[in-house]
Amino acid sequence: KTLKISRKPSTSKRIFCVPYSKKLKVIKKARGMKLKGCTAAIQEPKARDIGRIIVTGYDGHEDEDVKSALREHFASCGKITDVYIGGKNCLCVYFVGEGAVDKALKLNGTEVAAGGWKVCAEPYPFWDHNPITAFIRGYDDTWLSDSEMEVAVREFFSSCGEVKQVSVYKEKGFCCVDIKGIDAAEKVRELDGSYFGNKAVVGLLTKPPRHSTHNRFRNYGPR
């Protein structure tokens, strides 16, 4: 016997078949999130469009003046979502927009009009090789063994990236999944509310490798 896992993308229907002794129905929910009273869906930035750089050369200037000057200086590169100063010679500028970082790096060595100093811009890539950890729960009535459940969960998350590890906690109806991929987090969010035996709850346990604002809870260098 086979277990049929079906998803319904916007253009066509795909059927995945894996060996199983029991059937488990999986249906992907419709995409989009709306606020009450709004007609347009809220679009989060894609991971591939998020980037950041490190800036130096601003010694001797007030932090707020530096932030304001850099926002103006890099305004033509893309949307600036954050300017963070974490200490001496530790300033990060976060962008959202295709090619924004490349455009910003081309301004290396140019003079900041609002400050009268030359900016030194260097690349600061994210740790994209780090996997995210996702979870799924709400499937406890499928009556599959741990090994069968692991295969089903791997198939369920296969469109999100490279599934590195699956931990099954069958008695709690809960699985943890490590997934590697630059846009794995946004694809995981799209699966929330899909049917995996029952209507499943899917979410993230760790922060995505790419983020458009700096994590201010750290007491050491940015990640």
C-alpha atoms as a PDB file:
ATOM      1  CA  LYS A   1       0.000   0.000   0.000  1.00  0.00           C
ATOM      2  CA  THR A   2       1.063   3.576  -0.441  1.00  0.00           C
ATOM      3  CA  LEU A   3       0.470   6.792   1.414  1.00  0.00           C
ATOM      4  CA  LYS A   4      -0.672   9.581  -0.889  1.00  0.00           C
ATOM      5  CA  ILE A   5       0.437  13.048   0.059  1.00  0.00           C
ATOM      6  CA  SER A   6      -1.133  15.726  -2.081  1.00  0.00           C
ATOM      7  CA  ARG A   7      -0.579  19.448  -2.251  1.00  0.00           C
ATOM      8  CA  LYS A   8      -2.439  21.943  -4.399  1.00  0.00           C
ATOM      9  CA  PRO A   9      -0.125  24.636  -5.772  1.00  0.00           C
ATOM     10  CA  SER A  10      -1.581  27.563  -7.666  1.00  0.00           C
ATOM     11  CA  THR A  11      -0.793  26.104 -11.105  1.00  0.00           C
ATOM     12  CA  SER A  12      -1.010  22.334 -10.886  1.00  0.00           C
ATOM     13  CA  LYS A  13      -1.622  19.424  -8.542  1.00  0.00           C
ATOM     14  CA  ARG A  14       1.231  17.181  -7.470  1.00  0.00           C
ATOM     15  CA  ILE A  15       0.908  13.705  -5.978  1.00  0.00           C
ATOM     16  CA  PHE A  16       3.729  12.138  -3.959  1.00  0.00           C
ATOM     17  CA  CYS A  17       3.576   8.437  -3.156  1.00  0.00           C
ATOM     18  CA  VAL A  18       5.638   6.794  -0.404  1.00  0.00           C
ATOM     19  CA  PRO A  19       5.247   3.269   1.015  1.00  0.00           C
ATOM     20  CA  TYR A  20       2.912   3.134   3.995  1.00  0.00           C
ATOM     21  CA  SER A  21       0.466   0.747   5.591  1.00  0.00           C
ATOM     22  CA  LYS A  22      -2.008   3.530   6.355  1.00  0.00           C
ATOM     23  CA  LYS A  23      -3.314   6.554   4.505  1.00  0.00           C
ATOM     24  CA  LEU A  24      -2.585  10.086   5.625  1.00  0.00           C
ATOM     25  CA  LYS A  25      -4.259  12.990   3.879  1.00  0.00           C
ATOM     26  CA  VAL A  26      -2.173  16.124   3.414  1.00  0.00           C
ATOM     27  CA  ILE A  27      -3.658  19.227   1.823  1.00  0.00           C
ATOM     28  CA  LYS A  28      -1.787  22.500   1.613  1.00  0.00           C
ATOM     29  CA  LYS A  29      -3.790  25.530   2.693  1.00  0.00           C
ATOM     30  CA  ALA A  30      -4.325  28.632   0.615  1.00  0.00           C
ATOM     31  CA  ARG A  31      -1.590  31.272   0.918  1.00  0.00           C
ATOM     32  CA  GLY A  32      -1.960  34.813   2.193  1.00  0.00           C
ATOM     33  CA  MET A  33      -2.669  36.601   5.469  1.00  0.00           C
ATOM     34  CA  LYS A  34      -5.125  39.456   5.850  1.00  0.00           C
ATOM     35  CA  LEU A  35      -5.973  41.877   8.618  1.00  0.00           C
ATOM     36  CA  LYS A  36      -9.587  42.557   9.481  1.00  0.00           C
ATOM     37  CA  GLY A  37     -10.917  45.323   7.280  1.00  0.00           C
ATOM     38  CA  CYS A  38      -8.100  44.968   4.739  1.00  0.00           C
ATOM     39  CA  THR A  39      -8.367  43.527   1.246  1.00  0.00           C
ATOM     40  CA  ALA A  40      -4.658  43.105   0.460  1.00  0.00           C
ATOM     41  CA  ALA A  41      -2.533  40.285   1.874  1.00  0.00           C
ATOM     42  CA  ILE A  42       0.515  41.191   3.978  1.00  0.00           C
ATOM     43  CA  GLN A  43       3.719  40.247   2.168  1.00  0.00           C
ATOM     44  CA  GLU A  44       6.789  39.505   4.256  1.00  0.00           C
ATOM     45  CA  PRO A  45      10.172  40.108   2.581  1.00  0.00           C
ATOM     46  CA  LYS A  46      11.716  37.103   0.889  1.00  0.00           C
ATOM     47  CA  ALA A  47      14.896  35.800   2.483  1.00  0.00           C
ATOM     48  CA  ARG A  48      16.813  36.175  -0.771  1.00  0.00           C
ATOM     49  CA  ASP A  49      16.017  39.900  -0.818  1.00  0.00           C
ATOM     50  CA  ILE A  50      17.372  40.535   2.707  1.00  0.00           C
ATOM     51  CA  GLY A  51      20.983  41.606   3.118  1.00  0.00           C
ATOM     52  CA  ARG A  52      23.323  43.579   5.359  1.00  0.00           C
ATOM     53  CA  ILE A  53      26.694  45.306   5.361  1.00  0.00           C
ATOM     54  CA  ILE A  54      29.213  46.477   7.953  1.00  0.00           C
ATOM     55  CA  VAL A  55      30.137  50.165   7.902  1.00  0.00           C
ATOM     56  CA  THR A  56      33.190  51.836   9.461  1.00  0.00           C
ATOM     57  CA  GLY A  57      34.842  55.228   9.200  1.00  0.00           C
ATOM     58  CA  TYR A  58      32.413  57.184  11.347  1.00  0.00           C
ATOM     59  CA  ASP A  59      34.614  57.606  14.443  1.00  0.00           C
ATOM     60  CA  GLY A  60      34.116  60.856  16.356  1.00  0.00           C
ATOM     61  CA  HIS A  61      30.496  61.385  15.298  1.00  0.00           C
ATOM     62  CA  GLU A  62      27.339  61.046  17.362  1.00  0.00           C
ATOM     63  CA  ASP A  63      25.465  57.749  16.913  1.00  0.00           C
ATOM     64  CA  GLU A  64      22.136  59.292  15.914  1.00  0.00           C
ATOM     65  CA  ASP A  65      23.846  61.616  13.438  1.00  0.00           C
ATOM     66  CA  VAL A  66      25.641  58.629  11.916  1.00  0.00           C
ATOM     67  CA  LYS A  67      22.431  56.624  11.582  1.00  0.00           C
ATOM     68  CA  SER A  68      20.605  59.495   9.928  1.00  0.00           C
ATOM     69  CA  ALA A  69      23.503  60.207   7.579  1.00  0.00           C
ATOM     70  CA  LEU A  70      23.818  56.579   6.497  1.00  0.00           C
ATOM     71  CA  ARG A  71      20.095  56.207   5.840  1.00  0.00           C
ATOM     72  CA  GLU A  72      20.365  59.176   3.494  1.00  0.00           C
ATOM     73  CA  HIS A  73      23.615  57.969   1.932  1.00  0.00           C
ATOM     74  CA  PHE A  74      22.322  54.458   1.114  1.00  0.00           C
ATOM     75  CA  ALA A  75      18.711  55.442   0.353  1.00  0.00           C
ATOM     76  CA  SER A  76      19.105  54.794  -3.376  1.00  0.00           C
ATOM     77  CA  CYS A  77      20.288  51.208  -2.821  1.00  0.00           C
ATOM     78  CA  GLY A  78      17.038  49.744  -1.501  1.00  0.00           C
ATOM     79  CA  LYS A  79      14.750  49.781   1.503  1.00  0.00           C
ATOM     80  CA  ILE A  80      16.762  50.250   4.731  1.00  0.00           C
ATOM     81  CA  THR A  81      15.062  48.294   7.509  1.00  0.00           C
ATOM     82  CA  ASP A  82      17.584  48.843  10.314  1.00  0.00           C
ATOM     83  CA  VAL A  83      20.793  50.671  11.226  1.00  0.00           C
ATOM     84  CA  TYR A  84      22.430  49.190  14.311  1.00  0.00           C
ATOM     85  CA  ILE A  85      25.459  50.443  16.231  1.00  0.00           C
ATOM     86  CA  GLY A  86      26.659  47.814  18.659  1.00  0.00           C
ATOM     87  CA  GLY A  87      29.871  49.442  19.815  1.00  0.00           C
ATOM     88  CA  LYS A  88      33.054  50.999  18.508  1.00  0.00           C
ATOM     89  CA  ASN A  89      33.504  50.211  14.813  1.00  0.00           C
ATOM     90  CA  CYS A  90      30.462  47.896  14.848  1.00  0.00           C
ATOM     91  CA  LEU A  91      27.697  49.280  12.669  1.00  0.00           C
ATOM     92  CA  CYS A  92      25.348  47.191  10.522  1.00  0.00           C
ATOM     93  CA  VAL A  93      22.938  48.388   7.854  1.00  0.00           C
ATOM     94  CA  TYR A  94      20.088  46.030   6.893  1.00  0.00           C
ATOM     95  CA  PHE A  95      18.432  46.171   3.462  1.00  0.00           C
ATOM     96  CA  VAL A  96      15.437  44.618   1.729  1.00  0.00           C
ATOM     97  CA  GLY A  97      15.495  44.636  -2.051  1.00  0.00           C
ATOM     98  CA  GLU A  98      17.017  42.697  -4.897  1.00  0.00           C
ATOM     99  CA  GLY A  99      20.656  43.734  -5.389  1.00  0.00           C
ATOM    100  CA  ALA A 100      20.535  46.273  -2.550  1.00  0.00           C
ATOM    101  CA  VAL A 101      23.740  45.068  -0.894  1.00  0.00           C
ATOM    102  CA  ASP A 102      25.687  45.096  -4.171  1.00  0.00           C
ATOM    103  CA  LYS A 103      24.582  48.683  -4.769  1.00  0.00           C
ATOM    104  CA  ALA A 104      25.591  49.684  -1.231  1.00  0.00           C
ATOM    105  CA  LEU A 105      29.044  48.132  -1.592  1.00  0.00           C
ATOM    106  CA  LYS A 106      29.662  50.231  -4.701  1.00  0.00           C
ATOM    107  CA  LEU A 107      29.465  53.303  -2.446  1.00  0.00           C
ATOM    108  CA  ASN A 108      32.523  52.160  -0.506  1.00  0.00           C
ATOM    109  CA  GLY A 109      34.966  55.056  -0.210  1.00  0.00           C
ATOM    110  CA  THR A 110      32.417  57.729  -1.082  1.00  0.00           C
ATOM    111  CA  GLU A 111      31.879  60.774   1.095  1.00  0.00           C
ATOM    112  CA  VAL A 112      28.821  61.029   3.294  1.00  0.00           C
ATOM    113  CA  ALA A 113      27.295  64.383   2.443  1.00  0.00           C
ATOM    114  CA  ALA A 114      25.562  64.829   5.798  1.00  0.00           C
ATOM    115  CA  GLY A 115      28.678  64.018   7.798  1.00  0.00           C
ATOM    116  CA  GLY A 116      31.687  64.970   5.729  1.00  0.00           C
ATOM    117  CA  TRP A 117      33.412  61.614   6.220  1.00  0.00           C
ATOM    118  CA  LYS A 118      34.184  58.713   3.892  1.00  0.00           C
ATOM    119  CA  VAL A 119      32.243  55.534   4.375  1.00  0.00           C
ATOM    120  CA  CYS A 120      33.914  52.122   4.423  1.00  0.00           C
ATOM    121  CA  ALA A 121      31.362  49.454   3.455  1.00  0.00           C
ATOM    122  CA  GLU A 122      32.107  45.744   3.648  1.00  0.00           C
ATOM    123  CA  PRO A 123      29.957  42.658   3.021  1.00  0.00           C
ATOM    124  CA  TYR A 124      28.421  40.965   6.066  1.00  0.00           C
ATOM    125  CA  PRO A 125      26.723  37.746   4.910  1.00  0.00           C
ATOM    126  CA  PHE A 126      24.247  35.790   6.992  1.00  0.00           C
ATOM    127  CA  TRP A 127      24.895  32.281   8.279  1.00  0.00           C
ATOM    128  CA  ASP A 128      22.783  30.617   5.596  1.00  0.00           C
ATOM    129  CA  HIS A 129      24.392  27.216   6.227  1.00  0.00           C
ATOM    130  CA  ASN A 130      22.660  27.002   9.628  1.00  0.00           C
ATOM    131  CA  PRO A 131      19.432  24.941   9.521  1.00  0.00           C
ATOM    132  CA  ILE A 132      16.217  26.192  11.067  1.00  0.00           C
ATOM    133  CA  THR A 133      14.137  24.068  13.445  1.00  0.00           C
ATOM    134  CA  ALA A 134      10.442  23.732  12.671  1.00  0.00           C
ATOM    135  CA  PHE A 135       7.692  21.791  14.415  1.00  0.00           C
ATOM    136  CA  ILE A 136       4.441  20.108  13.482  1.00  0.00           C
ATOM    137  CA  ARG A 137       1.710  18.882  15.804  1.00  0.00           C
ATOM    138  CA  GLY A 138      -1.891  17.748  15.564  1.00  0.00           C
ATOM    139  CA  TYR A 139      -1.392  14.403  13.843  1.00  0.00           C
ATOM    140  CA  ASP A 140      -1.759  12.032  16.827  1.00  0.00           C
ATOM    141  CA  ASP A 141      -4.685  10.120  15.294  1.00  0.00           C
ATOM    142  CA  THR A 142      -2.737   8.782  12.272  1.00  0.00           C
ATOM    143  CA  TRP A 143      -1.539   5.631  14.088  1.00  0.00           C
ATOM    144  CA  LEU A 144       1.733   5.393  12.215  1.00  0.00           C
ATOM    145  CA  SER A 145       4.949   3.986  13.617  1.00  0.00           C
ATOM    146  CA  ASP A 146       7.857   6.337  14.377  1.00  0.00           C
ATOM    147  CA  SER A 147       9.712   5.303  11.205  1.00  0.00           C
ATOM    148  CA  GLU A 148       6.584   5.756   9.069  1.00  0.00           C
ATOM    149  CA  MET A 149       5.939   9.113  10.666  1.00  0.00           C
ATOM    150  CA  GLU A 150       9.497  10.249   9.986  1.00  0.00           C
ATOM    151  CA  VAL A 151       9.192   9.427   6.291  1.00  0.00           C
ATOM    152  CA  ALA A 152       5.820  11.218   6.108  1.00  0.00           C
ATOM    153  CA  VAL A 153       7.204  14.320   7.865  1.00  0.00           C
ATOM    154  CA  ARG A 154      10.241  14.396   5.572  1.00  0.00           C
ATOM    155  CA  GLU A 155       7.919  14.288   2.583  1.00  0.00           C
ATOM    156  CA  PHE A 156       5.688  16.972   4.089  1.00  0.00           C
ATOM    157  CA  PHE A 157       8.610  19.410   4.500  1.00  0.00           C
ATOM    158  CA  SER A 158      10.499  18.365   1.362  1.00  0.00           C
ATOM    159  CA  SER A 159       9.465  21.508  -0.535  1.00  0.00           C
ATOM    160  CA  CYS A 160      10.976  23.736   2.179  1.00  0.00           C
ATOM    161  CA  GLY A 161      14.612  22.718   1.733  1.00  0.00           C
ATOM    162  CA  GLU A 162      16.996  19.945   2.755  1.00  0.00           C
ATOM    163  CA  VAL A 163      15.511  18.045   5.711  1.00  0.00           C
ATOM    164  CA  LYS A 164      18.507  17.226   7.917  1.00  0.00           C
ATOM    165  CA  GLN A 165      16.858  15.570  10.931  1.00  0.00           C
ATOM    166  CA  VAL A 166      13.415  14.532  12.189  1.00  0.00           C
ATOM    167  CA  SER A 167      12.663  13.885  15.875  1.00  0.00           C
ATOM    168  CA  VAL A 168       9.309  12.152  16.522  1.00  0.00           C
ATOM    169  CA  TYR A 169       7.532  12.458  19.887  1.00  0.00           C
ATOM    170  CA  LYS A 170       4.560  10.274  19.052  1.00  0.00           C
ATOM    171  CA  GLU A 171       3.036  10.173  22.523  1.00  0.00           C
ATOM    172  CA  LYS A 172       2.762  13.983  22.422  1.00  0.00           C
ATOM    173  CA  GLY A 173       1.717  14.213  18.787  1.00  0.00           C
ATOM    174  CA  PHE A 174       4.722  16.404  18.068  1.00  0.00           C
ATOM    175  CA  CYS A 175       7.698  16.426  15.675  1.00  0.00           C
ATOM    176  CA  CYS A 176      10.775  18.642  15.405  1.00  0.00           C
ATOM    177  CA  VAL A 177      12.439  19.047  12.023  1.00  0.00           C
ATOM    178  CA  ASP A 178      15.803  20.593  11.100  1.00  0.00           C
ATOM    179  CA  ILE A 179      15.708  22.093   7.596  1.00  0.00           C
ATOM    180  CA  LYS A 180      18.499  23.739   5.640  1.00  0.00           C
ATOM    181  CA  GLY A 181      17.753  26.304   2.957  1.00  0.00           C
ATOM    182  CA  ILE A 182      17.970  30.051   2.419  1.00  0.00           C
ATOM    183  CA  ASP A 183      14.184  30.417   2.169  1.00  0.00           C
ATOM    184  CA  ALA A 184      13.224  27.438   4.361  1.00  0.00           C
ATOM    185  CA  ALA A 185      11.578  29.588   7.035  1.00  0.00           C
ATOM    186  CA  GLU A 186       9.139  31.338   4.696  1.00  0.00           C
ATOM    187  CA  LYS A 187       8.199  28.031   3.061  1.00  0.00           C
ATOM    188  CA  VAL A 188       7.577  26.447   6.476  1.00  0.00           C
ATOM    189  CA  ARG A 189       5.190  29.265   7.378  1.00  0.00           C
ATOM    190  CA  GLU A 190       3.179  28.533   4.242  1.00  0.00           C
ATOM    191  CA  LEU A 191       2.478  24.998   5.498  1.00  0.00           C
ATOM    192  CA  ASP A 192       0.770  26.128   8.702  1.00  0.00           C
ATOM    193  CA  GLY A 193      -2.844  25.005   8.639  1.00  0.00           C
ATOM    194  CA  SER A 194      -2.263  22.212   6.116  1.00  0.00           C
ATOM    195  CA  TYR A 195      -3.926  18.858   6.747  1.00  0.00           C
ATOM    196  CA  PHE A 196      -1.630  16.126   8.015  1.00  0.00           C
ATOM    197  CA  GLY A 197      -4.183  13.563   9.182  1.00  0.00           C
ATOM    198  CA  ASN A 198      -5.735  16.396  11.179  1.00  0.00           C
ATOM    199  CA  LYS A 199      -5.439  20.118  10.588  1.00  0.00           C
ATOM    200  CA  ALA A 200      -1.798  20.562  11.508  1.00  0.00           C
ATOM    201  CA  VAL A 201      -0.105  23.395  13.372  1.00  0.00           C
ATOM    202  CA  VAL A 202       3.260  24.209  11.793  1.00  0.00           C
ATOM    203  CA  GLY A 203       5.717  26.785  13.123  1.00  0.00           C
ATOM    204  CA  LEU A 204       9.320  27.778  13.790  1.00  0.00           C
ATOM    205  CA  LEU A 205      11.317  27.103  16.949  1.00  0.00           C
ATOM    206  CA  THR A 206      14.377  29.065  15.843  1.00  0.00           C
ATOM    207  CA  LYS A 207      14.884  32.419  14.146  1.00  0.00           C
ATOM    208  CA  PRO A 208      15.556  32.279  10.395  1.00  0.00           C
ATOM    209  CA  PRO A 209      19.215  32.799   9.373  1.00  0.00           C
ATOM    210  CA  ARG A 210      18.228  35.977   7.515  1.00  0.00           C
ATOM    211  CA  HIS A 211      16.331  38.742   9.262  1.00  0.00           C
ATOM    212  CA  SER A 212      15.680  42.351   8.298  1.00  0.00           C
ATOM    213  CA  THR A 213      16.384  43.850  11.742  1.00  0.00           C
ATOM    214  CA  HIS A 214      19.182  43.307  14.222  1.00  0.00           C
ATOM    215  CA  ASN A 215      18.603  41.165  17.296  1.00  0.00           C
ATOM    216  CA  ARG A 216      19.175  43.603  20.154  1.00  0.00           C
ATOM    217  CA  PHE A 217      19.007  40.900  22.840  1.00  0.00           C
ATOM    218  CA  ARG A 218      22.547  39.774  22.140  1.00  0.00           C
ATOM    219  CA  ASN A 219      25.403  41.156  24.221  1.00  0.00           C
ATOM    220  CA  TYR A 220      28.048  40.321  21.677  1.00  0.00           C
ATOM    221  CA  GLY A 221      28.678  40.716  17.944  1.00  0.00           C
ATOM    222  CA  PRO A 222      25.734  40.463  15.551  1.00  0.00           C
ATOM    223  CA  ARG A 223      24.816  37.183  13.857  1.00  0.00           C
END
